């Protein structure tokens, strides 16, 4: 069974940090472009960050640039999203998704409709 499983969400105070993990089973992530997306209450799902499969090039939405870092560990078949300086507006369900795009440059947001596999999401709540 091919699946992605997110973990690492939780409740954190403003200014705090969390690291989300996205683990794959049933397939290897090293040939896939990976995107992190989020959906806040009452809002549409939006792209957060992406990483390509070739050289680790990354993309960040303006809202998270300088605070979030995406990385991948192919040996562990896992992608991470390190989130620092969290703000209440970062509260959302965070999803990881994988796309078979070996030529993706990593310089633009991956479109949601182009993703092949999705995880079920992990909730991040930023509140005091």
Foldseek 3Di string as FASTA:
>chain_A
DWAKAKDWADEAAQQAKIKIKIAIPPDFQLQWKKWKWWDDPPGDIDTAKIFANPPGAMEGDPVQPPFWDWDDDRVRSMIMIIGGRDDQVVWTWMKMFIANDNPDPNYDTDDPVRTDHIHPTDTHGYHD
